[in-house]
Amino acid sequence: MSVERQNAERARLRWRCRRGMRELDVLLVNWLERDWLEAGPEQRAAFETLLETEDDRLWAWVTGQKAPADAALVALVVRLRDSVHE
């Protein structure tokens, strides 16, 4: 993928990271900026799935109140949660 295409894709995703909750915005944008370029296809697909998830459900996952059923989503949510402490 060309650099221009990667930048356009990240800009599109950055826009989708805008949520109704500032805390979610920060977590999602931080992952996008820090991990997207190095992420494999499964992680990228999981991230796109997170972006399609309702805020209240996503917040419950991130705070550990509930867990997603999909293993790739679980791994990504754990990474998002751990990134707060980095």
N, C-alpha and C. Protein backbone atom coordinates (compact mmCIF):
# COMPACT_ATOMS: atom_id res chain seq x y z
N MET A 1 0.86 -1.18 0.00
CA MET A 1 0.00 0.00 0.00
C MET A 1 0.90 1.24 0.00
N SER A 2 0.58 2.19 -0.86
CA SER A 2 1.38 3.41 -0.96
C SER A 2 1.20 4.27 0.30
N VAL A 3 2.16 5.15 0.50
CA VAL A 3 2.12 6.05 1.66
C VAL A 3 0.88 6.93 1.61
N GLU A 4 0.55 7.43 0.41
CA GLU A 4 -0.64 8.28 0.28
C GLU A 4 -1.90 7.51 0.65
N ARG A 5 -1.97 6.29 0.19
CA ARG A 5 -3.16 5.46 0.49
C ARG A 5 -3.24 5.15 1.99
N GLN A 6 -2.08 4.85 2.60
CA GLN A 6 -2.06 4.59 4.05
C GLN A 6 -2.51 5.83 4.82
N ASN A 7 -2.03 6.99 4.41
CA ASN A 7 -2.42 8.24 5.07
C ASN A 7 -3.92 8.51 4.91
N ALA A 8 -4.45 8.25 3.72
CA ALA A 8 -5.88 8.45 3.49
C ALA A 8 -6.70 7.48 4.34
N GLU A 9 -6.24 6.24 4.43
CA GLU A 9 -6.95 5.23 5.25
C GLU A 9 -6.94 5.64 6.72
N ARG A 10 -5.80 6.07 7.21
CA ARG A 10 -5.71 6.50 8.62
C ARG A 10 -6.57 7.74 8.87
N ALA A 11 -6.63 8.66 7.92
CA ALA A 11 -7.49 9.84 8.08
C ALA A 11 -8.95 9.44 8.16
N ARG A 12 -9.36 8.48 7.32
CA ARG A 12 -10.73 7.98 7.35
C ARG A 12 -11.04 7.33 8.70
N LEU A 13 -10.10 6.53 9.18
CA LEU A 13 -10.29 5.86 10.47
C LEU A 13 -10.26 6.85 11.63
N ARG A 14 -9.38 7.85 11.55
CA ARG A 14 -9.32 8.87 12.61
C ARG A 14 -10.67 9.55 12.75
N TRP A 15 -11.32 9.83 11.62
CA TRP A 15 -12.66 10.44 11.65
C TRP A 15 -13.64 9.51 12.34
N ARG A 16 -13.55 8.21 12.05
CA ARG A 16 -14.46 7.23 12.65
C ARG A 16 -14.18 7.02 14.14
N CYS A 17 -13.00 7.40 14.60
CA CYS A 17 -12.67 7.29 16.03
C CYS A 17 -13.40 8.32 16.87
N ARG A 18 -13.97 9.31 16.24
CA ARG A 18 -14.71 10.35 16.97
C ARG A 18 -15.97 9.73 17.54
N ARG A 19 -16.08 9.73 18.84
CA ARG A 19 -17.18 9.08 19.53
C ARG A 19 -17.94 10.10 20.36
N GLY A 20 -18.93 9.62 21.06
CA GLY A 20 -19.68 10.47 21.97
C GLY A 20 -18.98 10.63 23.31
N MET A 21 -17.91 9.88 23.51
CA MET A 21 -17.17 9.88 24.77
C MET A 21 -15.71 10.23 24.51
N ARG A 22 -15.26 11.27 25.13
CA ARG A 22 -13.86 11.71 24.93
C ARG A 22 -12.87 10.60 25.28
N GLU A 23 -13.15 9.84 26.32
CA GLU A 23 -12.24 8.77 26.74
C GLU A 23 -12.06 7.73 25.64
N LEU A 24 -13.15 7.40 24.96
CA LEU A 24 -13.06 6.45 23.85
C LEU A 24 -12.30 7.06 22.68
N ASP A 25 -12.55 8.34 22.41
CA ASP A 25 -11.81 9.03 21.34
C ASP A 25 -10.31 8.87 21.55
N VAL A 26 -9.88 9.16 22.76
CA VAL A 26 -8.45 9.13 23.07
C VAL A 26 -7.89 7.71 22.92
N LEU A 27 -8.57 6.72 23.46
CA LEU A 27 -8.09 5.34 23.36
C LEU A 27 -7.98 4.89 21.90
N LEU A 28 -9.00 5.17 21.13
CA LEU A 28 -9.02 4.71 19.74
C LEU A 28 -8.00 5.44 18.88
N VAL A 29 -7.91 6.75 19.02
CA VAL A 29 -6.94 7.51 18.24
C VAL A 29 -5.52 7.12 18.64
N ASN A 30 -5.28 6.92 19.92
CA ASN A 30 -3.94 6.51 20.35
C ASN A 30 -3.53 5.19 19.71
N TRP A 31 -4.46 4.22 19.68
CA TRP A 31 -4.13 2.94 19.04
C TRP A 31 -3.86 3.14 17.55
N LEU A 32 -4.70 3.93 16.92
CA LEU A 32 -4.54 4.19 15.49
C LEU A 32 -3.16 4.79 15.21
N GLU A 33 -2.77 5.78 15.98
CA GLU A 33 -1.49 6.44 15.76
C GLU A 33 -0.29 5.56 16.13
N ARG A 34 -0.44 4.76 17.16
CA ARG A 34 0.68 3.97 17.68
C ARG A 34 0.81 2.61 16.99
N ASP A 35 -0.32 1.95 16.71
CA ASP A 35 -0.27 0.54 16.32
C ASP A 35 -0.76 0.21 14.91
N TRP A 36 -1.50 1.08 14.28
CA TRP A 36 -2.13 0.75 13.00
C TRP A 36 -1.12 0.30 11.94
N LEU A 37 -0.05 1.05 11.76
CA LEU A 37 0.90 0.73 10.70
C LEU A 37 1.54 -0.64 10.88
N GLU A 38 1.74 -1.06 12.11
CA GLU A 38 2.38 -2.34 12.39
C GLU A 38 1.36 -3.48 12.53
N ALA A 39 0.10 -3.16 12.59
CA ALA A 39 -0.94 -4.17 12.82
C ALA A 39 -1.12 -5.06 11.60
N GLY A 40 -1.43 -6.31 11.88
CA GLY A 40 -1.73 -7.27 10.82
C GLY A 40 -3.19 -7.15 10.40
N PRO A 41 -3.56 -7.89 9.38
CA PRO A 41 -4.94 -7.82 8.86
C PRO A 41 -6.00 -8.16 9.92
N GLU A 42 -5.73 -9.12 10.79
CA GLU A 42 -6.71 -9.50 11.81
C GLU A 42 -6.90 -8.37 12.82
N GLN A 43 -5.80 -7.73 13.24
CA GLN A 43 -5.91 -6.61 14.18
C GLN A 43 -6.63 -5.43 13.53
N ARG A 44 -6.31 -5.16 12.28
CA ARG A 44 -6.97 -4.05 11.59
C ARG A 44 -8.48 -4.31 11.45
N ALA A 45 -8.83 -5.54 11.12
CA ALA A 45 -10.25 -5.89 11.00
C ALA A 45 -10.94 -5.76 12.36
N ALA A 46 -10.26 -6.18 13.43
CA ALA A 46 -10.83 -6.05 14.77
C ALA A 46 -11.03 -4.58 15.12
N PHE A 47 -10.07 -3.75 14.76
CA PHE A 47 -10.20 -2.31 15.03
C PHE A 47 -11.40 -1.72 14.30
N GLU A 48 -11.57 -2.10 13.05
CA GLU A 48 -12.72 -1.61 12.29
C GLU A 48 -14.03 -2.08 12.93
N THR A 49 -14.03 -3.30 13.45
CA THR A 49 -15.22 -3.81 14.15
C THR A 49 -15.48 -2.99 15.41
N LEU A 50 -14.41 -2.64 16.13
CA LEU A 50 -14.59 -1.78 17.31
C LEU A 50 -15.22 -0.46 16.92
N LEU A 51 -14.81 0.08 15.80
CA LEU A 51 -15.36 1.36 15.36
C LEU A 51 -16.84 1.27 15.01
N GLU A 52 -17.31 0.08 14.72
CA GLU A 52 -18.73 -0.13 14.41
C GLU A 52 -19.56 -0.43 15.66
N THR A 53 -18.89 -0.61 16.78
CA THR A 53 -19.55 -0.99 18.03
C THR A 53 -20.13 0.24 18.72
N GLU A 54 -21.29 0.09 19.30
CA GLU A 54 -21.94 1.19 20.03
C GLU A 54 -21.06 1.60 21.21
N ASP A 55 -21.09 2.89 21.53
CA ASP A 55 -20.25 3.44 22.59
C ASP A 55 -20.44 2.74 23.94
N ASP A 56 -21.69 2.52 24.32
CA ASP A 56 -21.92 1.93 25.64
C ASP A 56 -21.36 0.52 25.72
N ARG A 57 -21.49 -0.25 24.68
CA ARG A 57 -20.93 -1.60 24.66
C ARG A 57 -19.40 -1.55 24.66
N LEU A 58 -18.83 -0.68 23.83
CA LEU A 58 -17.38 -0.54 23.77
C LEU A 58 -16.82 -0.09 25.12
N TRP A 59 -17.50 0.84 25.76
CA TRP A 59 -17.05 1.32 27.07
C TRP A 59 -17.08 0.18 28.10
N ALA A 60 -18.11 -0.63 28.06
CA ALA A 60 -18.20 -1.77 28.98
C ALA A 60 -17.04 -2.74 28.74
N TRP A 61 -16.64 -2.93 27.49
CA TRP A 61 -15.50 -3.80 27.18
C TRP A 61 -14.20 -3.20 27.71
N VAL A 62 -14.01 -1.92 27.44
CA VAL A 62 -12.75 -1.25 27.82
C VAL A 62 -12.60 -1.17 29.33
N THR A 63 -13.70 -1.00 30.03
CA THR A 63 -13.64 -0.90 31.49
C THR A 63 -13.66 -2.26 32.18
N GLY A 64 -13.81 -3.32 31.40
CA GLY A 64 -13.79 -4.66 31.98
C GLY A 64 -15.11 -5.12 32.57
N GLN A 65 -16.17 -4.36 32.36
CA GLN A 65 -17.48 -4.76 32.85
C GLN A 65 -18.03 -5.94 32.07
N LYS A 66 -17.69 -6.00 30.80
CA LYS A 66 -18.09 -7.09 29.91
C LYS A 66 -16.92 -7.38 28.98
N ALA A 67 -17.03 -8.50 28.26
CA ALA A 67 -15.98 -8.86 27.31
C ALA A 67 -16.61 -9.23 25.97
N PRO A 68 -15.94 -8.87 24.88
CA PRO A 68 -16.45 -9.28 23.58
C PRO A 68 -16.32 -10.79 23.41
N ALA A 69 -17.12 -11.37 22.54
CA ALA A 69 -17.08 -12.81 22.32
C ALA A 69 -15.93 -13.22 21.41
N ASP A 70 -15.52 -12.35 20.52
CA ASP A 70 -14.48 -12.64 19.54
C ASP A 70 -13.09 -12.49 20.15
N ALA A 71 -12.23 -13.48 19.95
CA ALA A 71 -10.88 -13.47 20.54
C ALA A 71 -10.04 -12.31 20.03
N ALA A 72 -10.16 -11.96 18.76
CA ALA A 72 -9.39 -10.84 18.22
C ALA A 72 -9.82 -9.53 18.87
N LEU A 73 -11.11 -9.39 19.14
CA LEU A 73 -11.60 -8.18 19.82
C LEU A 73 -11.12 -8.15 21.26
N VAL A 74 -11.12 -9.30 21.92
CA VAL A 74 -10.62 -9.37 23.30
C VAL A 74 -9.18 -8.89 23.34
N ALA A 75 -8.34 -9.39 22.44
CA ALA A 75 -6.93 -9.00 22.42
C ALA A 75 -6.76 -7.50 22.18
N LEU A 76 -7.55 -6.95 21.28
CA LEU A 76 -7.46 -5.53 20.99
C LEU A 76 -7.94 -4.69 22.17
N VAL A 77 -9.01 -5.10 22.79
CA VAL A 77 -9.53 -4.36 23.96
C VAL A 77 -8.50 -4.39 25.09
N VAL A 78 -7.86 -5.52 25.29
CA VAL A 78 -6.81 -5.61 26.32
C VAL A 78 -5.68 -4.65 25.97
N ARG A 79 -5.30 -4.58 24.70
CA ARG A 79 -4.23 -3.66 24.27
C ARG A 79 -4.66 -2.22 24.52
N LEU A 80 -5.89 -1.90 24.20
CA LEU A 80 -6.39 -0.53 24.45
C LEU A 80 -6.33 -0.21 25.95
N ARG A 81 -6.78 -1.16 26.74
CA ARG A 81 -6.81 -0.99 28.20
C ARG A 81 -5.38 -0.82 28.74
N ASP A 82 -4.47 -1.66 28.27
CA ASP A 82 -3.08 -1.59 28.73
C ASP A 82 -2.37 -0.32 28.30
N SER A 83 -2.79 0.25 27.17
CA SER A 83 -2.14 1.45 26.66
C SER A 83 -2.32 2.64 27.59
N VAL A 84 -3.32 2.58 28.44
CA VAL A 84 -3.55 3.67 29.40
C VAL A 84 -2.38 3.75 30.38
N HIS A 85 -1.76 2.62 30.66
CA HIS A 85 -0.69 2.56 31.65
C HIS A 85 0.69 2.69 31.04
N GLU A 86 0.79 2.89 29.73
CA GLU A 86 2.10 3.01 29.09
C GLU A 86 2.59 4.44 29.09
